[in-house]
Amino acid sequence: MAELEAEGIDVIRQAAGQFDRMGLLFSGGKDSVVVLELARRAFAPAPPPVELLHIDTGHNFPEVIEFRDRVAAEEGVRLHIARVQDWIDRGELAERADGSRNRLQTVPLVETIAERGYDALLGGARRDEEKARAKERVFSVRDPFGGWDPRRQRPELWGLYNGRHAPGENIRVFPISNWTEADVWAYIAARGLALPAIYYAHEREVFARDGMWLAPGDWGGPREGERLVTRRVRYRTVGDMSCTGAVESEAADIAAVQAELRRSRLTERGATRADDRLSESAMEDRKKEGYF
């Protein structure tokens, strides 16, 4: 664990030495919480020289938004929120028939990068999340439209990262790229990090769709014929309520979550994210469009 922490801190420090204005993609989820903790440790006792950025779909879990705002209220933390609803209200984006706004985050993200002048964004992507993530470099080059091309990624030898970029381009930096879901939970336990309550088992009204337990909400669920039931569940990942499923669980604390993960044979996104089930290349296609 100490080696992974040291690697993550080194990545962040190398990024700070190469870029003028960094943001940190902060959803309030466990991976972004870990990246924020690494950034704090990288620059302590000074506050980290990054602004938190959340692309808010408007369909987020209330517990996660409450947690995000609590973090933002801490001393030395700056948060910028780009709300998808603003783009919809201006007629620049349209609601999807399935009610999901997950894919609608790309335009607000790319435009906010340009507006805020970020030349680098720290993110919490891990290579064990999904197949397209495994193609990423730690420093991921993105074109002026946020697009990702695996053929343009650079070699990363001896822990040295190349942040050179042309005007308009930006770099996504992934300090926990070599971590696993189990590593993240081990770090959360070791550092005593707080998380939104939905990561732990709790009673919740849910309904079944496409093999997942989804939470009801104004995004459009449940549909006719989908029955609300109460289950004891937790979430392995957080995102738009329309595409993030819960798993039935009794894991109410960190130790129980870790034990549950040791028994699991499904990745967190494969088990609980409907947007990654659309096709074999769903995530890769979104990344090429400018997604996280």
Protein backbone atom coordinates (compact mmCIF):
# COMPACT_ATOMS: atom_id res chain seq x y z
CA MET A 1 0.00 0.00 0.00
CA ALA A 2 2.84 2.41 0.82
CA GLU A 3 4.34 1.88 -2.66
CA LEU A 4 1.04 2.66 -4.40
CA GLU A 5 0.57 5.76 -2.28
CA ALA A 6 4.12 6.94 -3.06
CA GLU A 7 3.57 6.32 -6.79
CA GLY A 8 0.29 8.28 -6.77
CA ILE A 9 1.89 11.20 -4.92
CA ASP A 10 4.82 11.23 -7.36
CA VAL A 11 2.43 11.29 -10.35
CA ILE A 12 0.59 14.29 -8.88
CA ARG A 13 3.82 16.15 -8.12
CA GLN A 14 5.14 15.52 -11.64
CA ALA A 15 1.85 16.85 -13.02
CA ALA A 16 2.05 19.96 -10.84
CA GLY A 17 5.54 20.64 -12.18
CA GLN A 18 4.41 20.47 -15.80
CA PHE A 19 0.99 22.12 -15.92
CA ASP A 20 -0.21 25.64 -15.18
CA ARG A 21 -3.80 24.95 -14.09
CA MET A 22 -4.96 21.58 -12.82
CA GLY A 23 -8.44 20.41 -11.91
CA LEU A 24 -9.48 17.27 -10.09
CA LEU A 25 -12.54 15.42 -11.36
CA PHE A 26 -14.52 14.94 -8.16
CA SER A 27 -17.78 13.02 -8.15
CA GLY A 28 -17.82 12.28 -4.42
CA GLY A 29 -17.10 8.65 -5.26
CA LYS A 30 -14.45 6.52 -3.56
CA ASP A 31 -11.81 6.82 -6.30
CA SER A 32 -11.98 10.61 -6.44
CA VAL A 33 -11.84 10.69 -2.63
CA VAL A 34 -8.59 8.72 -2.76
CA VAL A 35 -7.11 11.01 -5.45
CA LEU A 36 -7.98 14.06 -3.34
CA GLU A 37 -6.27 12.49 -0.32
CA LEU A 38 -3.15 11.80 -2.41
CA ALA A 39 -3.18 15.42 -3.62
CA ARG A 40 -3.41 16.64 -0.04
CA ARG A 41 -0.46 14.50 0.98
CA ALA A 42 1.52 15.54 -2.10
CA PHE A 43 1.51 19.20 -1.07
CA ALA A 44 1.02 19.17 2.71
CA PRO A 45 1.07 21.36 4.71
CA ALA A 46 -0.05 23.65 1.85
CA PRO A 47 -3.49 23.02 0.30
CA PRO A 48 -3.38 21.14 -3.02
CA PRO A 49 -3.12 23.54 -6.01
CA VAL A 50 -6.13 22.03 -7.75
CA GLU A 51 -9.76 22.98 -8.18
CA LEU A 52 -12.34 20.23 -7.78
CA LEU A 53 -14.62 19.85 -10.81
CA HIS A 54 -17.93 18.00 -10.79
CA ILE A 55 -20.01 17.48 -13.91
CA ASP A 56 -23.40 17.23 -12.21
CA THR A 57 -26.02 15.32 -14.22
CA GLY A 58 -28.84 16.42 -11.90
CA HIS A 59 -29.63 12.74 -11.40
CA ASN A 60 -27.04 12.04 -8.75
CA PHE A 61 -27.71 10.23 -5.50
CA PRO A 62 -28.66 12.77 -2.78
CA GLU A 63 -26.22 11.20 -0.31
CA VAL A 64 -23.36 11.73 -2.75
CA ILE A 65 -24.24 15.39 -3.42
CA GLU A 66 -24.46 16.01 0.33
CA PHE A 67 -21.03 14.42 0.77
CA ARG A 68 -19.56 16.43 -2.13
CA ASP A 69 -20.77 19.69 -0.61
CA ARG A 70 -19.42 18.71 2.80
CA VAL A 71 -15.98 18.11 1.29
CA ALA A 72 -16.18 21.41 -0.59
CA ALA A 73 -16.84 23.25 2.67
CA GLU A 74 -13.49 22.14 4.09
CA GLU A 75 -10.69 24.67 4.33
CA GLY A 76 -8.45 24.89 1.29
CA VAL A 77 -10.88 23.13 -1.09
CA ARG A 78 -12.33 24.88 -4.15
CA LEU A 79 -15.20 23.31 -6.11
CA HIS A 80 -16.61 24.21 -9.52
CA ILE A 81 -19.87 22.54 -10.56
CA ALA A 82 -20.91 22.27 -14.22
CA ARG A 83 -24.58 21.31 -14.33
CA VAL A 84 -25.86 19.33 -17.32
CA GLN A 85 -29.25 20.93 -16.74
CA ASP A 86 -27.81 24.32 -17.78
CA TRP A 87 -26.86 22.93 -21.21
CA ILE A 88 -30.33 21.37 -21.54
CA ASP A 89 -32.03 24.66 -20.58
CA ARG A 90 -30.01 26.48 -23.27
CA GLY A 91 -31.07 23.93 -25.87
CA GLU A 92 -27.51 22.72 -26.41
CA LEU A 93 -28.28 19.20 -25.18
CA ALA A 94 -31.46 17.13 -25.34
CA GLU A 95 -32.76 14.57 -22.89
CA ARG A 96 -32.32 10.96 -23.95
CA ALA A 97 -35.30 8.64 -24.32
CA ASP A 98 -33.94 6.33 -21.61
CA GLY A 99 -33.72 9.18 -19.09
CA SER A 100 -29.97 8.77 -18.58
CA ARG A 101 -27.77 11.84 -18.60
CA ASN A 102 -24.52 9.95 -18.24
CA ARG A 103 -23.55 10.37 -21.88
CA LEU A 104 -24.61 14.03 -21.73
CA GLN A 105 -21.66 14.85 -19.46
CA THR A 106 -19.14 14.96 -22.31
CA VAL A 107 -20.05 18.36 -23.80
CA PRO A 108 -20.20 20.14 -20.42
CA LEU A 109 -16.85 18.56 -19.50
CA VAL A 110 -15.06 19.62 -22.70
CA GLU A 111 -16.52 23.13 -22.65
CA THR A 112 -15.74 23.60 -18.94
CA ILE A 113 -12.12 22.56 -19.51
CA ALA A 114 -11.82 25.33 -22.10
CA GLU A 115 -13.72 27.88 -20.01
CA ARG A 116 -11.73 27.25 -16.82
CA GLY A 117 -8.41 26.98 -18.65
CA TYR A 118 -7.42 23.58 -17.33
CA ASP A 119 -4.43 22.07 -19.08
CA ALA A 120 -4.62 18.93 -16.91
CA LEU A 121 -7.31 17.10 -15.00
CA LEU A 122 -6.62 14.54 -12.27
CA GLY A 123 -9.00 11.58 -12.44
CA GLY A 124 -9.68 8.42 -10.50
CA ALA A 125 -9.72 5.90 -13.37
CA ARG A 126 -8.23 2.47 -12.63
CA ARG A 127 -7.11 -0.15 -15.12
CA ASP A 128 -9.18 -2.91 -13.50
CA GLU A 129 -12.47 -1.02 -13.94
CA GLU A 130 -13.13 -1.73 -17.59
CA LYS A 131 -11.25 -2.95 -20.68
CA ALA A 132 -10.89 0.48 -22.29
CA ARG A 133 -9.31 1.83 -19.08
CA ALA A 134 -6.49 -0.70 -19.45
CA LYS A 135 -5.39 1.04 -22.67
CA GLU A 136 -4.84 4.34 -20.88
CA ARG A 137 -1.51 5.83 -19.95
CA VAL A 138 -1.03 7.58 -16.62
CA PHE A 139 -0.77 10.84 -18.61
CA SER A 140 -3.51 10.56 -21.23
CA VAL A 141 -3.33 13.03 -24.13
CA ARG A 142 -6.65 14.52 -25.26
CA ASP A 143 -7.26 16.61 -28.36
CA PRO A 144 -8.94 20.08 -28.26
CA PHE A 145 -12.33 18.36 -28.34
CA GLY A 146 -11.44 16.07 -25.44
CA GLY A 147 -11.07 13.09 -27.75
CA TRP A 148 -8.82 10.16 -26.86
CA ASP A 149 -6.82 8.27 -29.48
CA PRO A 150 -4.92 5.22 -28.16
CA ARG A 151 -2.45 5.54 -31.06
CA ARG A 152 -1.34 8.96 -29.81
CA GLN A 153 -0.51 7.89 -26.28
CA ARG A 154 3.12 8.08 -25.21
CA PRO A 155 5.50 5.55 -23.70
CA GLU A 156 5.98 5.91 -19.95
CA LEU A 157 9.37 4.56 -18.93
CA TRP A 158 11.07 4.61 -15.52
CA GLY A 159 8.18 6.48 -13.91
CA LEU A 160 8.69 9.54 -16.11
CA TYR A 161 5.61 11.18 -17.62
CA ASN A 162 5.50 13.43 -20.66
CA GLY A 163 3.00 16.24 -20.29
CA ARG A 164 3.85 18.17 -23.47
CA HIS A 165 0.76 19.24 -25.35
CA ALA A 166 -0.21 21.57 -28.17
CA PRO A 167 -2.43 24.63 -27.61
CA GLY A 168 -5.99 23.49 -26.99
CA GLU A 169 -4.99 19.98 -25.97
CA ASN A 170 -5.14 18.82 -22.37
CA ILE A 171 -3.90 15.88 -20.35
CA ARG A 172 -5.93 13.59 -18.13
CA VAL A 173 -3.75 12.37 -15.27
CA PHE A 174 -4.61 9.12 -13.47
CA PRO A 175 -2.61 8.76 -10.22
CA ILE A 176 -4.32 5.50 -9.20
CA SER A 177 -4.12 3.89 -12.60
CA ASN A 178 -2.24 0.88 -11.17
CA TRP A 179 -4.60 0.37 -8.22
CA THR A 180 -7.41 -2.17 -7.97
CA GLU A 181 -10.79 -1.81 -6.29
CA ALA A 182 -9.38 -3.83 -3.38
CA ASP A 183 -6.39 -1.45 -3.15
CA VAL A 184 -8.73 1.54 -2.97
CA TRP A 185 -10.66 0.00 -0.08
CA ALA A 186 -7.44 -0.96 1.70
CA TYR A 187 -6.27 2.66 1.43
CA ILE A 188 -9.62 3.99 2.65
CA ALA A 189 -9.31 1.71 5.67
CA ALA A 190 -5.67 2.60 6.34
CA ARG A 191 -6.26 6.36 6.12
CA GLY A 192 -9.71 6.40 7.73
CA LEU A 193 -11.27 8.23 4.77
CA ALA A 194 -14.94 9.17 4.85
CA LEU A 195 -17.26 8.11 2.02
CA PRO A 196 -20.90 8.64 1.09
CA ALA A 197 -23.12 6.32 3.12
CA ILE A 198 -24.44 4.50 0.04
CA TYR A 199 -21.16 2.56 -0.24
CA TYR A 200 -22.30 0.57 2.80
CA ALA A 201 -25.30 -1.73 3.20
CA HIS A 202 -28.59 0.03 3.93
CA GLU A 203 -32.32 -0.45 3.35
CA ARG A 204 -33.48 1.16 0.11
CA GLU A 205 -36.42 1.10 -2.28
CA VAL A 206 -35.26 -0.32 -5.61
CA PHE A 207 -36.68 -1.95 -8.71
CA ALA A 208 -35.28 -4.58 -11.07
CA ARG A 209 -34.24 -3.67 -14.63
CA ASP A 210 -31.78 -5.48 -16.90
CA GLY A 211 -30.47 -7.60 -14.06
CA MET A 212 -29.74 -4.62 -11.78
CA TRP A 213 -31.38 -2.98 -8.78
CA LEU A 214 -32.00 0.68 -9.69
CA ALA A 215 -33.22 3.47 -7.40
CA PRO A 216 -36.39 5.38 -8.33
CA GLY A 217 -36.10 9.02 -9.27
CA ASP A 218 -37.29 11.83 -11.52
CA TRP A 219 -34.98 10.50 -14.22
CA GLY A 220 -37.77 8.11 -15.30
CA GLY A 221 -37.81 5.04 -13.13
CA PRO A 222 -39.64 2.84 -12.43
CA ARG A 223 -41.60 2.21 -15.61
CA GLU A 224 -44.98 0.55 -15.84
CA GLY A 225 -44.67 -3.03 -14.64
CA GLU A 226 -41.49 -2.39 -12.63
CA ARG A 227 -42.33 -2.94 -8.97
CA LEU A 228 -40.66 -1.12 -6.11
CA VAL A 229 -39.35 -3.38 -3.37
CA THR A 230 -37.22 -2.78 -0.30
CA ARG A 231 -33.84 -4.49 -0.30
CA ARG A 232 -30.70 -4.25 1.77
CA VAL A 233 -28.16 -2.99 -0.75
CA ARG A 234 -24.99 -1.02 -1.24
CA TYR A 235 -23.29 0.64 -4.22
CA ARG A 236 -19.84 -0.32 -5.51
CA THR A 237 -19.65 2.77 -7.73
CA VAL A 238 -21.64 6.00 -7.93
CA GLY A 239 -22.87 7.88 -10.97
CA ASP A 240 -26.10 8.84 -12.70
CA MET A 241 -28.99 7.11 -10.89
CA SER A 242 -30.41 5.95 -14.22
CA CYS A 243 -27.49 3.63 -14.96
CA THR A 244 -25.90 2.82 -11.59
CA GLY A 245 -27.16 -0.34 -9.97
CA ALA A 246 -26.97 -1.52 -6.37
CA VAL A 247 -25.90 -4.95 -5.19
CA GLU A 248 -27.64 -6.83 -2.41
CA SER A 249 -25.29 -6.79 0.54
CA GLU A 250 -24.88 -7.02 4.30
CA ALA A 251 -21.52 -5.23 4.22
CA ALA A 252 -22.11 -2.31 6.58
CA ASP A 253 -18.47 -1.40 7.29
CA ILE A 254 -15.10 -1.34 5.56
CA ALA A 255 -13.97 -4.77 6.77
CA ALA A 256 -17.19 -6.37 5.55
CA VAL A 257 -16.89 -4.63 2.17
CA GLN A 258 -13.34 -5.95 1.80
CA ALA A 259 -14.47 -9.48 2.65
CA GLU A 260 -17.30 -9.19 0.11
CA LEU A 261 -14.87 -8.06 -2.60
CA ARG A 262 -12.66 -11.09 -1.99
CA ARG A 263 -15.65 -13.30 -2.83
CA SER A 264 -16.81 -11.30 -5.87
CA ARG A 265 -16.12 -12.47 -9.43
CA LEU A 266 -17.55 -9.38 -11.14
CA THR A 267 -15.93 -6.01 -11.77
CA GLU A 268 -17.68 -3.05 -10.20
CA ARG A 269 -18.66 -1.45 -13.52
CA GLY A 270 -19.55 -4.72 -15.21
CA ALA A 271 -21.88 -5.59 -12.37
CA THR A 272 -23.50 -2.23 -11.72
CA ARG A 273 -23.17 0.21 -14.65
CA ALA A 274 -25.79 -0.13 -17.38
CA ASP A 275 -24.00 2.32 -19.68
CA ASP A 276 -21.07 -0.08 -19.98
CA ARG A 277 -23.34 -2.87 -21.20
CA LEU A 278 -24.48 -1.12 -24.38
CA SER A 279 -21.68 -2.69 -26.43
CA GLU A 280 -18.25 -4.25 -26.05
CA SER A 281 -16.70 -0.87 -26.84
CA ALA A 282 -19.15 1.39 -24.97
CA MET A 283 -16.56 2.99 -22.68
CA GLU A 284 -13.94 3.30 -25.41
CA ASP A 285 -16.43 5.00 -27.73
CA ARG A 286 -17.31 7.55 -25.02
CA LYS A 287 -13.63 8.22 -24.29
CA LYS A 288 -12.99 8.97 -27.96
CA GLU A 289 -15.82 11.52 -27.78
CA GLY A 290 -14.23 13.28 -24.81
CA TYR A 291 -15.59 11.33 -21.82
CA PHE A 292 -13.59 10.98 -18.61
